[in-house]
Amino acid sequence: METKQIEVTCPCCNERLVVDVRTQKVLKHSPEAQISDTGKPVLDEGRWDTASEHVQGRGVRGDDVFDSALEKEKRREKDLDDLFKKANENVARRKQSSEDEEL
């Protein structure tokens, strides 16, 4: 546990809480029934399975985000070339219109 976190026991429900001192937010909590005699949270296989499934679900979405970002990066050079070409056309058009106005 970091020094920026404190561990307290709730006086109402006897849950063990880990609180971030700077943000004043509860980072972890363990119900009294899930705390061992040593005061540490009891590991529950069901919690592990649930967390594992949650992470795997995020991984699929993460892969999609990565793939789309990779495709966007591959198109970036062409997109920048197109923008540069349009900017040059605008400059040439403005230059031509200013020359026409002078005449």
N, C-alpha and C. Protein backbone atom coordinates (compact mmCIF):
# COMPACT_ATOMS: atom_id res chain seq x y z
N MET A 1 0.85 -1.17 0.00
CA MET A 1 0.00 0.00 0.00
C MET A 1 0.90 1.24 0.00
N GLU A 2 0.55 2.22 -0.81
CA GLU A 2 1.33 3.45 -0.90
C GLU A 2 1.03 4.34 0.28
N THR A 3 1.90 5.33 0.50
CA THR A 3 1.69 6.26 1.62
C THR A 3 0.54 7.21 1.33
N LYS A 4 0.11 7.31 0.09
CA LYS A 4 -1.00 8.18 -0.27
C LYS A 4 -2.34 7.49 -0.08
N GLN A 5 -2.30 6.27 0.45
CA GLN A 5 -3.52 5.50 0.68
C GLN A 5 -3.56 5.12 2.15
N ILE A 6 -4.76 5.11 2.69
CA ILE A 6 -4.92 4.64 4.06
C ILE A 6 -5.96 3.53 4.08
N GLU A 7 -5.84 2.66 5.05
CA GLU A 7 -6.77 1.55 5.20
C GLU A 7 -7.55 1.78 6.49
N VAL A 8 -8.86 1.80 6.37
CA VAL A 8 -9.72 2.04 7.54
C VAL A 8 -10.83 1.01 7.58
N THR A 9 -11.42 0.86 8.75
CA THR A 9 -12.56 -0.03 8.92
C THR A 9 -13.79 0.84 9.16
N CYS A 10 -14.83 0.61 8.39
CA CYS A 10 -16.07 1.37 8.53
C CYS A 10 -16.71 1.03 9.88
N PRO A 11 -17.06 2.02 10.69
CA PRO A 11 -17.65 1.73 11.99
C PRO A 11 -19.08 1.20 11.88
N CYS A 12 -19.74 1.44 10.78
CA CYS A 12 -21.14 0.99 10.61
C CYS A 12 -21.23 -0.47 10.16
N CYS A 13 -20.50 -0.80 9.11
CA CYS A 13 -20.66 -2.12 8.51
C CYS A 13 -19.43 -3.01 8.65
N ASN A 14 -18.35 -2.48 9.24
CA ASN A 14 -17.09 -3.21 9.45
C ASN A 14 -16.40 -3.62 8.16
N GLU A 15 -16.71 -2.94 7.05
CA GLU A 15 -15.98 -3.22 5.81
C GLU A 15 -14.60 -2.60 5.90
N ARG A 16 -13.62 -3.24 5.25
CA ARG A 16 -12.27 -2.70 5.19
C ARG A 16 -12.20 -1.83 3.94
N LEU A 17 -11.81 -0.56 4.10
CA LEU A 17 -11.75 0.38 3.00
C LEU A 17 -10.32 0.85 2.78
N VAL A 18 -9.90 0.94 1.52
CA VAL A 18 -8.63 1.55 1.17
C VAL A 18 -8.99 2.86 0.49
N VAL A 19 -8.53 3.98 1.07
CA VAL A 19 -8.91 5.31 0.61
C VAL A 19 -7.68 6.05 0.12
N ASP A 20 -7.81 6.72 -1.03
CA ASP A 20 -6.76 7.58 -1.54
C ASP A 20 -6.87 8.91 -0.80
N VAL A 21 -5.80 9.30 -0.14
CA VAL A 21 -5.83 10.50 0.70
C VAL A 21 -6.00 11.76 -0.15
N ARG A 22 -5.35 11.81 -1.30
CA ARG A 22 -5.41 13.03 -2.12
C ARG A 22 -6.78 13.24 -2.75
N THR A 23 -7.35 12.18 -3.33
CA THR A 23 -8.64 12.34 -4.01
C THR A 23 -9.82 12.08 -3.09
N GLN A 24 -9.57 11.49 -1.93
CA GLN A 24 -10.59 11.15 -0.95
C GLN A 24 -11.62 10.17 -1.53
N LYS A 25 -11.15 9.26 -2.38
CA LYS A 25 -12.02 8.26 -2.98
C LYS A 25 -11.66 6.88 -2.46
N VAL A 26 -12.67 6.03 -2.35
CA VAL A 26 -12.46 4.64 -1.93
C VAL A 26 -11.92 3.86 -3.12
N LEU A 27 -10.74 3.27 -2.94
CA LEU A 27 -10.12 2.51 -4.02
C LEU A 27 -10.53 1.04 -3.97
N LYS A 28 -10.62 0.49 -2.77
CA LYS A 28 -11.01 -0.91 -2.59
C LYS A 28 -11.87 -1.03 -1.35
N HIS A 29 -12.72 -2.03 -1.34
CA HIS A 29 -13.48 -2.32 -0.13
C HIS A 29 -13.68 -3.83 -0.05
N SER A 30 -13.69 -4.32 1.16
CA SER A 30 -13.89 -5.75 1.40
C SER A 30 -14.89 -5.90 2.54
N PRO A 31 -16.00 -6.59 2.29
CA PRO A 31 -16.96 -6.83 3.37
C PRO A 31 -16.31 -7.63 4.51
N GLU A 32 -16.85 -7.48 5.70
CA GLU A 32 -16.29 -8.13 6.87
C GLU A 32 -16.17 -9.64 6.68
N ALA A 33 -17.13 -10.25 6.01
CA ALA A 33 -17.12 -11.69 5.79
C ALA A 33 -15.97 -12.12 4.88
N GLN A 34 -15.44 -11.20 4.07
CA GLN A 34 -14.37 -11.55 3.14
C GLN A 34 -13.00 -11.14 3.66
N ILE A 35 -12.88 -10.88 4.97
CA ILE A 35 -11.60 -10.51 5.56
C ILE A 35 -11.13 -11.66 6.44
N SER A 36 -9.88 -12.08 6.24
CA SER A 36 -9.33 -13.20 7.02
C SER A 36 -8.95 -12.73 8.42
N ASP A 37 -8.48 -13.67 9.23
CA ASP A 37 -8.05 -13.35 10.59
C ASP A 37 -6.86 -12.40 10.60
N THR A 38 -6.09 -12.40 9.52
CA THR A 38 -4.92 -11.52 9.44
C THR A 38 -5.31 -10.10 9.03
N GLY A 39 -6.57 -9.90 8.67
CA GLY A 39 -7.02 -8.56 8.27
C GLY A 39 -6.91 -8.32 6.78
N LYS A 40 -6.50 -9.32 6.03
CA LYS A 40 -6.38 -9.18 4.58
C LYS A 40 -7.62 -9.73 3.90
N PRO A 41 -7.99 -9.21 2.72
CA PRO A 41 -9.14 -9.73 2.00
C PRO A 41 -8.93 -11.19 1.59
N VAL A 42 -9.97 -12.00 1.73
CA VAL A 42 -9.93 -13.40 1.32
C VAL A 42 -10.09 -13.46 -0.19
N LEU A 43 -9.22 -14.22 -0.85
CA LEU A 43 -9.30 -14.34 -2.30
C LEU A 43 -10.45 -15.27 -2.66
N ASP A 44 -11.27 -14.83 -3.57
CA ASP A 44 -12.44 -15.58 -3.99
C ASP A 44 -12.29 -15.89 -5.47
N GLU A 45 -12.37 -17.17 -5.83
CA GLU A 45 -12.20 -17.55 -7.24
C GLU A 45 -13.27 -16.93 -8.13
N GLY A 46 -14.47 -16.76 -7.59
CA GLY A 46 -15.54 -16.15 -8.37
C GLY A 46 -15.21 -14.71 -8.75
N ARG A 47 -14.61 -13.99 -7.82
CA ARG A 47 -14.21 -12.61 -8.12
C ARG A 47 -13.14 -12.59 -9.20
N TRP A 48 -12.21 -13.54 -9.13
CA TRP A 48 -11.14 -13.62 -10.12
C TRP A 48 -11.72 -13.91 -11.50
N ASP A 49 -12.65 -14.87 -11.58
CA ASP A 49 -13.27 -15.21 -12.86
C ASP A 49 -14.02 -14.02 -13.44
N THR A 50 -14.76 -13.31 -12.59
CA THR A 50 -15.51 -12.14 -13.03
C THR A 50 -14.57 -11.06 -13.56
N ALA A 51 -13.49 -10.82 -12.82
CA ALA A 51 -12.53 -9.80 -13.26
C ALA A 51 -11.85 -10.22 -14.56
N SER A 52 -11.53 -11.49 -14.68
CA SER A 52 -10.88 -12.00 -15.89
C SER A 52 -11.80 -11.84 -17.10
N GLU A 53 -13.06 -12.17 -16.94
CA GLU A 53 -14.03 -12.01 -18.03
C GLU A 53 -14.18 -10.54 -18.41
N HIS A 54 -14.18 -9.69 -17.41
CA HIS A 54 -14.30 -8.24 -17.67
C HIS A 54 -13.12 -7.74 -18.48
N VAL A 55 -11.92 -8.16 -18.12
CA VAL A 55 -10.72 -7.73 -18.84
C VAL A 55 -10.72 -8.28 -20.25
N GLN A 56 -11.12 -9.54 -20.42
CA GLN A 56 -11.16 -10.13 -21.76
C GLN A 56 -12.17 -9.40 -22.63
N GLY A 57 -13.29 -8.99 -22.05
CA GLY A 57 -14.29 -8.23 -22.81
C GLY A 57 -13.75 -6.90 -23.28
N ARG A 58 -12.93 -6.27 -22.44
CA ARG A 58 -12.31 -5.01 -22.84
C ARG A 58 -11.28 -5.22 -23.91
N GLY A 59 -10.60 -6.36 -23.89
CA GLY A 59 -9.54 -6.64 -24.86
C GLY A 59 -10.06 -6.65 -26.28
N VAL A 60 -11.24 -7.19 -26.50
CA VAL A 60 -11.83 -7.23 -27.84
C VAL A 60 -12.05 -5.82 -28.34
N ARG A 61 -12.63 -4.98 -27.50
CA ARG A 61 -12.86 -3.60 -27.88
C ARG A 61 -11.53 -2.88 -28.10
N GLY A 62 -10.54 -3.18 -27.26
CA GLY A 62 -9.23 -2.56 -27.39
C GLY A 62 -8.57 -2.93 -28.70
N ASP A 63 -8.73 -4.19 -29.13
CA ASP A 63 -8.16 -4.60 -30.41
C ASP A 63 -8.81 -3.84 -31.56
N ASP A 64 -10.13 -3.65 -31.49
CA ASP A 64 -10.82 -2.91 -32.54
C ASP A 64 -10.34 -1.46 -32.59
N VAL A 65 -10.17 -0.86 -31.45
CA VAL A 65 -9.69 0.53 -31.38
C VAL A 65 -8.28 0.61 -31.96
N PHE A 66 -7.44 -0.35 -31.59
CA PHE A 66 -6.07 -0.37 -32.11
C PHE A 66 -6.06 -0.52 -33.62
N ASP A 67 -6.86 -1.45 -34.14
CA ASP A 67 -6.90 -1.67 -35.59
C ASP A 67 -7.38 -0.44 -36.33
N SER A 68 -8.41 0.24 -35.80
CA SER A 68 -8.90 1.44 -36.47
C SER A 68 -7.87 2.57 -36.42
N ALA A 69 -7.15 2.67 -35.30
CA ALA A 69 -6.10 3.69 -35.19
C ALA A 69 -4.97 3.40 -36.16
N LEU A 70 -4.64 2.13 -36.33
CA LEU A 70 -3.59 1.74 -37.27
C LEU A 70 -4.00 2.07 -38.70
N GLU A 71 -5.24 1.78 -39.06
CA GLU A 71 -5.73 2.11 -40.41
C GLU A 71 -5.72 3.63 -40.63
N LYS A 72 -6.11 4.38 -39.63
CA LYS A 72 -6.12 5.84 -39.73
C LYS A 72 -4.70 6.35 -39.94
N GLU A 73 -3.75 5.77 -39.23
CA GLU A 73 -2.35 6.19 -39.36
C GLU A 73 -1.81 5.84 -40.76
N LYS A 74 -2.24 4.72 -41.30
CA LYS A 74 -1.80 4.35 -42.65
C LYS A 74 -2.35 5.33 -43.69
N ARG A 75 -3.56 5.85 -43.48
CA ARG A 75 -4.17 6.81 -44.41
C ARG A 75 -3.68 8.24 -44.17
N ARG A 76 -2.98 8.46 -43.08
CA ARG A 76 -2.62 9.82 -42.68
C ARG A 76 -1.79 10.54 -43.73
N GLU A 77 -0.80 9.89 -44.31
CA GLU A 77 0.05 10.54 -45.30
C GLU A 77 -0.78 11.00 -46.51
N LYS A 78 -1.66 10.14 -46.99
CA LYS A 78 -2.52 10.52 -48.12
C LYS A 78 -3.44 11.68 -47.74
N ASP A 79 -4.01 11.62 -46.54
CA ASP A 79 -4.90 12.69 -46.09
C ASP A 79 -4.15 14.02 -45.98
N LEU A 80 -2.93 13.99 -45.45
CA LEU A 80 -2.14 15.21 -45.34
C LEU A 80 -1.75 15.75 -46.72
N ASP A 81 -1.42 14.83 -47.65
CA ASP A 81 -1.11 15.27 -49.01
C ASP A 81 -2.33 15.93 -49.65
N ASP A 82 -3.52 15.38 -49.43
CA ASP A 82 -4.74 15.97 -49.97
C ASP A 82 -4.98 17.36 -49.38
N LEU A 83 -4.79 17.50 -48.08
CA LEU A 83 -4.97 18.81 -47.45
C LEU A 83 -3.98 19.82 -47.99
N PHE A 84 -2.73 19.40 -48.18
CA PHE A 84 -1.72 20.30 -48.71
C PHE A 84 -2.07 20.73 -50.14
N LYS A 85 -2.55 19.79 -50.93
CA LYS A 85 -2.95 20.09 -52.31
C LYS A 85 -4.10 21.10 -52.33
N LYS A 86 -5.10 20.91 -51.47
CA LYS A 86 -6.22 21.84 -51.39
C LYS A 86 -5.77 23.23 -50.94
N ALA A 87 -4.84 23.27 -49.98
CA ALA A 87 -4.33 24.56 -49.51
C ALA A 87 -3.59 25.28 -50.62
N ASN A 88 -2.80 24.55 -51.39
CA ASN A 88 -2.09 25.16 -52.53
C ASN A 88 -3.06 25.69 -53.58
N GLU A 89 -4.15 24.92 -53.82
CA GLU A 89 -5.16 25.38 -54.78
C GLU A 89 -5.83 26.66 -54.29
N ASN A 90 -6.11 26.73 -52.99
CA ASN A 90 -6.72 27.95 -52.42
C ASN A 90 -5.79 29.14 -52.54
N VAL A 91 -4.51 28.93 -52.29
CA VAL A 91 -3.53 30.02 -52.41
C VAL A 91 -3.46 30.48 -53.86
N ALA A 92 -3.41 29.54 -54.80
CA ALA A 92 -3.33 29.90 -56.21
C ALA A 92 -4.58 30.64 -56.64
N ARG A 93 -5.75 30.20 -56.14
CA ARG A 93 -7.01 30.85 -56.49
C ARG A 93 -7.06 32.28 -55.93
N ARG A 94 -6.62 32.45 -54.70
CA ARG A 94 -6.60 33.80 -54.10
C ARG A 94 -5.62 34.71 -54.82
N LYS A 95 -4.48 34.14 -55.18
CA LYS A 95 -3.48 34.93 -55.90
C LYS A 95 -4.03 35.37 -57.25
N GLN A 96 -4.70 34.45 -57.92
CA GLN A 96 -5.29 34.77 -59.23
C GLN A 96 -6.38 35.82 -59.08
N SER A 97 -7.23 35.69 -58.05
CA SER A 97 -8.31 36.67 -57.88
C SER A 97 -7.76 38.03 -57.50
N SER A 98 -6.68 38.09 -56.74
CA SER A 98 -6.10 39.38 -56.38
C SER A 98 -5.44 40.03 -57.59
N GLU A 99 -4.86 39.22 -58.48
CA GLU A 99 -4.27 39.76 -59.70
C GLU A 99 -5.37 40.29 -60.63
N ASP A 100 -6.51 39.58 -60.67
CA ASP A 100 -7.62 40.02 -61.50
C ASP A 100 -8.20 41.32 -60.99
N GLU A 101 -8.24 41.50 -59.69
CA GLU A 101 -8.76 42.75 -59.09
C GLU A 101 -7.86 43.92 -59.38
N GLU A 102 -6.55 43.70 -59.46
CA GLU A 102 -5.61 44.78 -59.73
C GLU A 102 -5.76 45.30 -61.16
N LEU A 103 -6.20 44.44 -62.06
CA LEU A 103 -6.33 44.86 -63.46
C LEU A 103 -7.59 45.63 -63.62
